[in-house]
């Protein structure tokens, strides 16, 4: 039961990261308005990952690296 809850919560968080990443391309503002909570939930984790990554010019690999890290943690925690 706990493994199922961890799997569901991390999957939902991964969806929020994808929404944050694709938001500008889909013209969805996740920093203000009704979806501001998405930015508040995802930005602290993405910001920590950005600090670990080397500078890569205008490219921001923070969200995709965070997505991979959450996926890896979910796989280890649930054992799938």
PDB file of N, CA and C in Angstrom:
ATOM      1  N   UNK A   1       0.822  -1.193   0.000  1.00  0.00           N
ATOM      2  CA  UNK A   1       0.000   0.000   0.000  1.00  0.00           C
ATOM      3  C   UNK A   1       0.869   1.261   0.000  1.00  0.00           C
ATOM      4  N   UNK A   2       1.917   1.284   0.810  1.00  0.00           N
ATOM      5  CA  UNK A   2       2.812   2.448   0.857  1.00  0.00           C
ATOM      6  C   UNK A   2       3.555   2.605  -0.468  1.00  0.00           C
ATOM      7  N   UNK A   3       3.953   1.495  -1.070  1.00  0.00           N
ATOM      8  CA  UNK A   3       4.653   1.554  -2.355  1.00  0.00           C
ATOM      9  C   UNK A   3       3.746   2.138  -3.429  1.00  0.00           C
ATOM     10  N   UNK A   4       2.482   1.783  -3.388  1.00  0.00           N
ATOM     11  CA  UNK A   4       1.532   2.306  -4.362  1.00  0.00           C
ATOM     12  C   UNK A   4       1.352   3.819  -4.173  1.00  0.00           C
ATOM     13  N   UNK A   5       1.310   4.283  -2.939  1.00  0.00           N
ATOM     14  CA  UNK A   5       1.170   5.715  -2.653  1.00  0.00           C
ATOM     15  C   UNK A   5       2.417   6.472  -3.120  1.00  0.00           C
ATOM     16  N   UNK A   6       3.593   5.930  -2.849  1.00  0.00           N
ATOM     17  CA  UNK A   6       4.842   6.566  -3.292  1.00  0.00           C
ATOM     18  C   UNK A   6       4.879   6.645  -4.812  1.00  0.00           C
ATOM     19  N   UNK A   7       4.479   5.563  -5.464  1.00  0.00           N
ATOM     20  CA  UNK A   7       4.455   5.533  -6.924  1.00  0.00           C
ATOM     21  C   UNK A   7       3.515   6.609  -7.464  1.00  0.00           C
ATOM     22  N   UNK A   8       2.329   6.719  -6.888  1.00  0.00           N
ATOM     23  CA  UNK A   8       1.339   7.687  -7.360  1.00  0.00           C
ATOM     24  C   UNK A   8       1.791   9.126  -7.123  1.00  0.00           C
ATOM     25  N   UNK A   9       2.332   9.411  -5.955  1.00  0.00           N
ATOM     26  CA  UNK A   9       2.765  10.771  -5.629  1.00  0.00           C
ATOM     27  C   UNK A   9       3.933  11.201  -6.511  1.00  0.00           C
ATOM     28  N   UNK A  10       4.894  10.325  -6.709  1.00  0.00           N
ATOM     29  CA  UNK A  10       6.038  10.690  -7.548  1.00  0.00           C
ATOM     30  C   UNK A  10       5.634  10.825  -9.014  1.00  0.00           C
ATOM     31  N   UNK A  11       4.694  10.014  -9.470  1.00  0.00           N
ATOM     32  CA  UNK A  11       4.208  10.139 -10.841  1.00  0.00           C
ATOM     33  C   UNK A  11       3.489  11.472 -11.031  1.00  0.00           C
ATOM     34  N   UNK A  12       2.680  11.864 -10.075  1.00  0.00           N
ATOM     35  CA  UNK A  12       2.006  13.155 -10.141  1.00  0.00           C
ATOM     36  C   UNK A  12       3.027  14.295 -10.154  1.00  0.00           C
ATOM     37  N   UNK A  13       4.070  14.184  -9.345  1.00  0.00           N
ATOM     38  CA  UNK A  13       5.113  15.212  -9.314  1.00  0.00           C
ATOM     39  C   UNK A  13       5.839  15.278 -10.658  1.00  0.00           C
ATOM     40  N   UNK A  14       6.065  14.128 -11.276  1.00  0.00           N
ATOM     41  CA  UNK A  14       6.702  14.106 -12.591  1.00  0.00           C
ATOM     42  C   UNK A  14       5.817  14.789 -13.637  1.00  0.00           C
ATOM     43  N   UNK A  15       4.521  14.604 -13.545  1.00  0.00           N
ATOM     44  CA  UNK A  15       3.590  15.272 -14.461  1.00  0.00           C
ATOM     45  C   UNK A  15       3.643  16.785 -14.256  1.00  0.00           C
ATOM     46  N   UNK A  16       3.741  17.223 -12.999  1.00  0.00           N
ATOM     47  CA  UNK A  16       3.848  18.661 -12.714  1.00  0.00           C
ATOM     48  C   UNK A  16       5.139  19.242 -13.287  1.00  0.00           C
ATOM     49  N   UNK A  17       6.229  18.490 -13.208  1.00  0.00           N
ATOM     50  CA  UNK A  17       7.495  18.954 -13.794  1.00  0.00           C
ATOM     51  C   UNK A  17       7.352  19.084 -15.306  1.00  0.00           C
ATOM     52  N   UNK A  18       6.708  18.113 -15.936  1.00  0.00           N
ATOM     53  CA  UNK A  18       6.485  18.191 -17.383  1.00  0.00           C
ATOM     54  C   UNK A  18       5.601  19.379 -17.747  1.00  0.00           C
ATOM     55  N   UNK A  19       4.580  19.640 -16.944  1.00  0.00           N
ATOM     56  CA  UNK A  19       3.727  20.796 -17.190  1.00  0.00           C
ATOM     57  C   UNK A  19       4.528  22.085 -17.079  1.00  0.00           C
ATOM     58  N   UNK A  20       5.386  22.148 -16.094  1.00  0.00           N
ATOM     59  CA  UNK A  20       6.237  23.328 -15.912  1.00  0.00           C
ATOM     60  C   UNK A  20       7.213  23.484 -17.080  1.00  0.00           C
ATOM     61  N   UNK A  21       7.738  22.373 -17.568  1.00  0.00           N
ATOM     62  CA  UNK A  21       8.720  22.409 -18.650  1.00  0.00           C
ATOM     63  C   UNK A  21       8.073  22.780 -19.984  1.00  0.00           C
ATOM     64  N   UNK A  22       6.921  22.188 -20.293  1.00  0.00           N
ATOM     65  CA  UNK A  22       6.252  22.452 -21.559  1.00  0.00           C
ATOM     66  C   UNK A  22       5.311  23.654 -21.506  1.00  0.00           C
ATOM     67  N   UNK A  23       5.088  24.206 -20.321  1.00  0.00           N
ATOM     68  CA  UNK A  23       4.178  25.329 -20.166  1.00  0.00           C
ATOM     69  C   UNK A  23       4.436  26.491 -21.105  1.00  0.00           C
ATOM     70  N   UNK A  24       5.650  26.992 -21.214  1.00  0.00           N
ATOM     71  CA  UNK A  24       5.892  28.128 -22.118  1.00  0.00           C
ATOM     72  C   UNK A  24       5.575  27.810 -23.579  1.00  0.00           C
ATOM     73  N   UNK A  25       5.841  26.588 -24.008  1.00  0.00           N
ATOM     74  CA  UNK A  25       5.546  26.221 -25.394  1.00  0.00           C
ATOM     75  C   UNK A  25       4.043  26.106 -25.641  1.00  0.00           C
ATOM     76  N   UNK A  26       3.309  25.719 -24.602  1.00  0.00           N
ATOM     77  CA  UNK A  26       1.858  25.583 -24.710  1.00  0.00           C
ATOM     78  C   UNK A  26       1.122  26.851 -24.281  1.00  0.00           C
ATOM     79  N   UNK A  27       1.899  27.902 -24.003  1.00  0.00           N
ATOM     80  CA  UNK A  27       1.374  29.191 -23.540  1.00  0.00           C
ATOM     81  C   UNK A  27       0.570  29.039 -22.251  1.00  0.00           C
ATOM     82  N   UNK A  28       1.105  28.243 -21.331  1.00  0.00           N
ATOM     83  CA  UNK A  28       0.527  28.050 -20.008  1.00  0.00           C
ATOM     84  C   UNK A  28       1.485  28.685 -19.006  1.00  0.00           C
ATOM     85  N   UNK A  29       1.007  29.660 -18.257  1.00  0.00           N
ATOM     86  CA  UNK A  29       1.849  30.349 -17.284  1.00  0.00           C
ATOM     87  C   UNK A  29       1.749  29.620 -15.937  1.00  0.00           C
ATOM     88  N   UNK A  30       2.818  28.942 -15.567  1.00  0.00           N
ATOM     89  CA  UNK A  30       2.837  28.217 -14.294  1.00  0.00           C
ATOM     90  C   UNK A  30       3.494  29.030 -13.181  1.00  0.00           C
ATOM     91  N   UNK A  31       3.785  30.290 -13.453  1.00  0.00           N
ATOM     92  CA  UNK A  31       4.392  31.153 -12.440  1.00  0.00           C
ATOM     93  C   UNK A  31       3.400  32.129 -11.827  1.00  0.00           C
ATOM     94  N   UNK A  32       2.271  32.327 -12.465  1.00  0.00           N
ATOM     95  CA  UNK A  32       1.273  33.277 -11.967  1.00  0.00           C
ATOM     96  C   UNK A  32      -0.122  32.768 -12.328  1.00  0.00           C
ATOM     97  N   UNK A  33      -1.102  33.344 -11.701  1.00  0.00           N
ATOM     98  CA  UNK A  33      -2.481  32.968 -12.006  1.00  0.00           C
ATOM     99  C   UNK A  33      -2.911  31.697 -11.287  1.00  0.00           C
ATOM    100  N   UNK A  34      -3.824  30.993 -11.913  1.00  0.00           N
ATOM    101  CA  UNK A  34      -4.401  29.803 -11.281  1.00  0.00           C
ATOM    102  C   UNK A  34      -3.425  28.646 -11.152  1.00  0.00           C
ATOM    103  N   UNK A  35      -2.402  28.613 -11.983  1.00  0.00           N
ATOM    104  CA  UNK A  35      -1.439  27.516 -11.930  1.00  0.00           C
ATOM    105  C   UNK A  35      -0.139  27.890 -11.225  1.00  0.00           C
ATOM    106  N   UNK A  36      -0.150  28.948 -10.446  1.00  0.00           N
ATOM    107  CA  UNK A  36       1.059  29.371  -9.732  1.00  0.00           C
ATOM    108  C   UNK A  36       1.532  28.314  -8.745  1.00  0.00           C
ATOM    109  N   UNK A  37       0.632  27.485  -8.247  1.00  0.00           N
ATOM    110  CA  UNK A  37       1.009  26.434  -7.296  1.00  0.00           C
ATOM    111  C   UNK A  37       1.942  25.408  -7.943  1.00  0.00           C
ATOM    112  N   UNK A  38       1.848  25.237  -9.267  1.00  0.00           N
ATOM    113  CA  UNK A  38       2.750  24.296  -9.951  1.00  0.00           C
ATOM    114  C   UNK A  38       4.182  24.783  -9.825  1.00  0.00           C
ATOM    115  N   UNK A  39       4.393  26.062 -10.059  1.00  0.00           N
ATOM    116  CA  UNK A  39       5.732  26.631  -9.922  1.00  0.00           C
ATOM    117  C   UNK A  39       6.250  26.577  -8.493  1.00  0.00           C
ATOM    118  N   UNK A  40       5.355  26.838  -7.536  1.00  0.00           N
ATOM    119  CA  UNK A  40       5.777  26.804  -6.128  1.00  0.00           C
ATOM    120  C   UNK A  40       6.144  25.397  -5.678  1.00  0.00           C
ATOM    121  N   UNK A  41       5.514  24.377  -6.247  1.00  0.00           N
ATOM    122  CA  UNK A  41       5.826  23.001  -5.859  1.00  0.00           C
ATOM    123  C   UNK A  41       7.073  22.451  -6.549  1.00  0.00           C
ATOM    124  N   UNK A  42       7.288  22.846  -7.782  1.00  0.00           N
ATOM    125  CA  UNK A  42       8.383  22.245  -8.549  1.00  0.00           C
ATOM    126  C   UNK A  42       9.677  23.049  -8.519  1.00  0.00           C
ATOM    127  N   UNK A  43       9.586  24.362  -8.419  1.00  0.00           N
ATOM    128  CA  UNK A  43      10.782  25.202  -8.535  1.00  0.00           C
ATOM    129  C   UNK A  43      11.852  24.933  -7.474  1.00  0.00           C
ATOM    130  N   UNK A  44      11.508  24.692  -6.200  1.00  0.00           N
ATOM    131  CA  UNK A  44      12.587  24.439  -5.230  1.00  0.00           C
ATOM    132  C   UNK A  44      13.455  23.229  -5.583  1.00  0.00           C
ATOM    133  N   UNK A  45      12.848  22.176  -6.054  1.00  0.00           N
ATOM    134  CA  UNK A  45      13.613  20.974  -6.408  1.00  0.00           C
ATOM    135  C   UNK A  45      14.403  21.215  -7.688  1.00  0.00           C
ATOM    136  N   UNK A  46      13.769  21.826  -8.688  1.00  0.00           N
ATOM    137  CA  UNK A  46      14.459  22.110  -9.950  1.00  0.00           C
ATOM    138  C   UNK A  46      15.636  23.043  -9.705  1.00  0.00           C
ATOM    139  N   UNK A  47      15.462  24.019  -8.840  1.00  0.00           N
ATOM    140  CA  UNK A  47      16.544  24.972  -8.530  1.00  0.00           C
ATOM    141  C   UNK A  47      17.745  24.259  -7.910  1.00  0.00           C
ATOM    142  N   UNK A  48      17.493  23.302  -7.033  1.00  0.00           N
ATOM    143  CA  UNK A  48      18.612  22.549  -6.432  1.00  0.00           C
ATOM    144  C   UNK A  48      19.353  21.740  -7.473  1.00  0.00           C
ATOM    145  N   UNK A  49      18.622  21.153  -8.406  1.00  0.00           N
ATOM    146  CA  UNK A  49      19.267  20.377  -9.469  1.00  0.00           C
ATOM    147  C   UNK A  49      20.051  21.297 -10.394  1.00  0.00           C
ATOM    148  N   UNK A  50      19.521  22.476 -10.685  1.00  0.00           N
ATOM    149  CA  UNK A  50      20.238  23.439 -11.542  1.00  0.00           C
ATOM    150  C   UNK A  50      21.595  23.803 -10.953  1.00  0.00           C
ATOM    151  N   UNK A  51      21.661  23.901  -9.622  1.00  0.00           N
ATOM    152  CA  UNK A  51      22.943  24.242  -8.970  1.00  0.00           C
ATOM    153  C   UNK A  51      23.983  23.142  -9.163  1.00  0.00           C
ATOM    154  N   UNK A  52      23.532  21.898  -9.340  1.00  0.00           N
ATOM    155  CA  UNK A  52      24.454  20.783  -9.528  1.00  0.00           C
ATOM    156  C   UNK A  52      24.942  20.659 -10.970  1.00  0.00           C
ATOM    157  N   UNK A  53      24.154  21.169 -11.915  1.00  0.00           N
ATOM    158  CA  UNK A  53      24.505  21.046 -13.328  1.00  0.00           C
ATOM    159  C   UNK A  53      25.497  22.130 -13.732  1.00  0.00           C
ATOM    160  N   UNK A  54      26.405  21.799 -14.660  1.00  0.00           N
ATOM    161  CA  UNK A  54      27.311  22.842 -15.152  1.00  0.00           C
ATOM    162  C   UNK A  54      26.546  23.818 -16.048  1.00  0.00           C
ATOM    163  N   UNK A  55      27.037  25.051 -16.193  1.00  0.00           N
ATOM    164  CA  UNK A  55      26.378  26.019 -17.073  1.00  0.00           C
ATOM    165  C   UNK A  55      26.385  25.523 -18.521  1.00  0.00           C
ATOM    166  N   UNK A  56      25.229  25.623 -19.174  1.00  0.00           N
ATOM    167  CA  UNK A  56      25.112  25.138 -20.552  1.00  0.00           C
ATOM    168  C   UNK A  56      24.528  26.198 -21.464  1.00  0.00           C
ATOM    169  N   UNK A  57      24.872  27.448 -21.212  1.00  0.00           N
ATOM    170  CA  UNK A  57      24.393  28.534 -22.061  1.00  0.00           C
ATOM    171  C   UNK A  57      22.902  28.755 -21.887  1.00  0.00           C
ATOM    172  N   UNK A  58      22.198  28.957 -22.988  1.00  0.00           N
ATOM    173  CA  UNK A  58      20.766  29.271 -22.883  1.00  0.00           C
ATOM    174  C   UNK A  58      19.885  28.039 -22.613  1.00  0.00           C
ATOM    175  N   UNK A  59      20.458  26.852 -22.661  1.00  0.00           N
ATOM    176  CA  UNK A  59      19.678  25.638 -22.442  1.00  0.00           C
ATOM    177  C   UNK A  59      19.490  25.366 -20.951  1.00  0.00           C
ATOM    178  N   UNK A  60      18.280  25.008 -20.587  1.00  0.00           N
ATOM    179  CA  UNK A  60      17.967  24.703 -19.191  1.00  0.00           C
ATOM    180  C   UNK A  60      17.620  23.223 -19.078  1.00  0.00           C
ATOM    181  N   UNK A  61      18.564  22.452 -18.586  1.00  0.00           N
ATOM    182  CA  UNK A  61      18.337  21.029 -18.401  1.00  0.00           C
ATOM    183  C   UNK A  61      17.863  20.700 -16.985  1.00  0.00           C
ATOM    184  N   UNK A  62      17.596  21.716 -16.183  1.00  0.00           N
ATOM    185  CA  UNK A  62      17.129  21.502 -14.813  1.00  0.00           C
ATOM    186  C   UNK A  62      15.860  20.673 -14.719  1.00  0.00           C
ATOM    187  N   UNK A  63      14.803  21.015 -15.472  1.00  0.00           N
ATOM    188  CA  UNK A  63      13.571  20.226 -15.373  1.00  0.00           C
ATOM    189  C   UNK A  63      13.738  18.772 -15.831  1.00  0.00           C
ATOM    190  N   UNK A  64      14.466  18.539 -16.905  1.00  0.00           N
ATOM    191  CA  UNK A  64      14.617  17.166 -17.398  1.00  0.00           C
ATOM    192  C   UNK A  64      15.508  16.353 -16.468  1.00  0.00           C
ATOM    193  N   UNK A  65      16.529  16.979 -15.885  1.00  0.00           N
ATOM    194  CA  UNK A  65      17.379  16.281 -14.924  1.00  0.00           C
ATOM    195  C   UNK A  65      16.594  15.970 -13.647  1.00  0.00           C
ATOM    196  N   UNK A  66      15.726  16.900 -13.240  1.00  0.00           N
ATOM    197  CA  UNK A  66      14.882  16.669 -12.067  1.00  0.00           C
ATOM    198  C   UNK A  66      13.893  15.552 -12.343  1.00  0.00           C
ATOM    199  N   UNK A  67      13.321  15.555 -13.527  1.00  0.00           N
ATOM    200  CA  UNK A  67      12.391  14.494 -13.926  1.00  0.00           C
ATOM    201  C   UNK A  67      13.075  13.130 -13.867  1.00  0.00           C
ATOM    202  N   UNK A  68      14.289  13.056 -14.382  1.00  0.00           N
ATOM    203  CA  UNK A  68      15.041  11.807 -14.347  1.00  0.00           C
ATOM    204  C   UNK A  68      15.357  11.393 -12.912  1.00  0.00           C
ATOM    205  N   UNK A  69      15.734  12.363 -12.070  1.00  0.00           N
ATOM    206  CA  UNK A  69      16.064  12.058 -10.674  1.00  0.00           C
ATOM    207  C   UNK A  69      14.840  11.544  -9.916  1.00  0.00           C
ATOM    208  N   UNK A  70      13.685  12.162 -10.139  1.00  0.00           N
ATOM    209  CA  UNK A  70      12.457  11.702  -9.467  1.00  0.00           C
ATOM    210  C   UNK A  70      12.083  10.312  -9.965  1.00  0.00           C
ATOM    211  N   UNK A  71      12.238  10.074 -11.267  1.00  0.00           N
ATOM    212  CA  UNK A  71      11.957   8.750 -11.821  1.00  0.00           C
ATOM    213  C   UNK A  71      12.889   7.699 -11.206  1.00  0.00           C
ATOM    214  N   UNK A  72      14.169   8.045 -11.075  1.00  0.00           N
ATOM    215  CA  UNK A  72      15.135   7.118 -10.494  1.00  0.00           C
ATOM    216  C   UNK A  72      14.811   6.834  -9.030  1.00  0.00           C
ATOM    217  N   UNK A  73      14.481   7.874  -8.268  1.00  0.00           N
ATOM    218  CA  UNK A  73      14.101   7.683  -6.861  1.00  0.00           C
ATOM    219  C   UNK A  73      12.837   6.829  -6.737  1.00  0.00           C
ATOM    220  N   UNK A  74      11.865   7.072  -7.630  1.00  0.00           N
ATOM    221  CA  UNK A  74      10.635   6.272  -7.612  1.00  0.00           C
ATOM    222  C   UNK A  74      10.940   4.811  -7.907  1.00  0.00           C
ATOM    223  N   UNK A  75      11.792   4.561  -8.865  1.00  0.00           N
ATOM    224  CA  UNK A  75      12.143   3.191  -9.229  1.00  0.00           C
ATOM    225  C   UNK A  75      12.856   2.487  -8.075  1.00  0.00           C
ATOM    226  N   UNK A  76      13.752   3.186  -7.405  1.00  0.00           N
ATOM    227  CA  UNK A  76      14.467   2.599  -6.273  1.00  0.00           C
ATOM    228  C   UNK A  76      13.521   2.374  -5.088  1.00  0.00           C
ATOM    229  N   UNK A  77      12.670   3.361  -4.796  1.00  0.00           N
ATOM    230  CA  UNK A  77      11.787   3.273  -3.636  1.00  0.00           C
ATOM    231  C   UNK A  77      10.706   2.209  -3.796  1.00  0.00           C
ATOM    232  N   UNK A  78      10.165   2.093  -4.984  1.00  0.00           N
ATOM    233  CA  UNK A  78       9.057   1.160  -5.204  1.00  0.00           C
ATOM    234  C   UNK A  78       9.583  -0.201  -5.654  1.00  0.00           C
ATOM    235  N   UNK A  79      10.723  -0.201  -6.303  1.00  0.00           N
ATOM    236  CA  UNK A  79      11.314  -1.468  -6.739  1.00  0.00           C
ATOM    237  C   UNK A  79      10.696  -2.018  -8.014  1.00  0.00           C
ATOM    238  N   UNK A  80      10.310  -1.115  -8.922  1.00  0.00           N
ATOM    239  CA  UNK A  80       9.729  -1.579 -10.198  1.00  0.00           C
ATOM    240  C   UNK A  80      10.777  -1.654 -11.261  1.00  0.00           C
TER     241      UNK A  80
END
